[in-house]
């Protein structure tokens, strides 16, 4: 009897999801920093 071993975790899919989450997080932080910097320039007028 041949038993098929199925992995409990799909690592390739998990790595892709972690990478996408990291990229989105970095993009949001960069956008937030740009808004903060542009806000300080307007207050200086």
Protein backbone atom coordinates (compact mmCIF):
# COMPACT_ATOMS: atom_id res chain seq x y z
CA UNK A 1 0.00 0.00 0.00
CA UNK A 2 1.49 3.32 -1.12
CA UNK A 3 0.91 6.21 1.25
CA UNK A 4 1.02 9.71 -0.15
CA UNK A 5 2.62 12.22 2.19
CA UNK A 6 1.02 15.66 1.96
CA UNK A 7 2.88 18.60 3.46
CA UNK A 8 0.96 20.50 6.10
CA UNK A 9 2.49 23.81 5.09
CA UNK A 10 2.97 25.15 1.57
CA UNK A 11 6.20 27.09 2.11
CA UNK A 12 6.38 28.64 -1.36
CA UNK A 13 2.91 30.16 -0.98
CA UNK A 14 3.74 31.35 2.55
CA UNK A 15 6.97 32.99 1.43
CA UNK A 16 5.14 34.79 -1.38
CA UNK A 17 2.47 36.02 1.03
CA UNK A 18 5.08 37.24 3.53
CA UNK A 19 6.98 39.05 0.76
CA UNK A 20 3.81 40.78 -0.49
CA UNK A 21 2.90 41.79 3.07
CA UNK A 22 6.41 43.20 3.61
CA UNK A 23 6.28 45.19 0.35
CA UNK A 24 2.86 46.63 1.19
CA UNK A 25 4.02 47.54 4.69
CA UNK A 26 7.13 49.29 3.36
CA UNK A 27 5.04 51.17 0.78
CA UNK A 28 2.59 52.36 3.45
CA UNK A 29 5.40 53.50 5.74
CA UNK A 30 7.07 55.35 2.85
CA UNK A 31 3.79 57.07 1.95
CA UNK A 32 3.26 58.06 5.59
CA UNK A 33 6.75 59.55 5.81
CA UNK A 34 6.19 61.51 2.58
CA UNK A 35 2.92 62.91 3.94
CA UNK A 36 4.62 63.90 7.19
CA UNK A 37 7.48 65.64 5.37
CA UNK A 38 5.14 67.48 3.00
CA UNK A 39 3.04 68.57 5.97
CA UNK A 40 6.02 70.13 7.73
CA UNK A 41 6.90 72.12 4.58
CA UNK A 42 3.39 73.61 4.39
CA UNK A 43 3.47 74.61 8.07
CA UNK A 44 6.67 76.55 7.49
CA UNK A 45 4.96 79.12 5.21
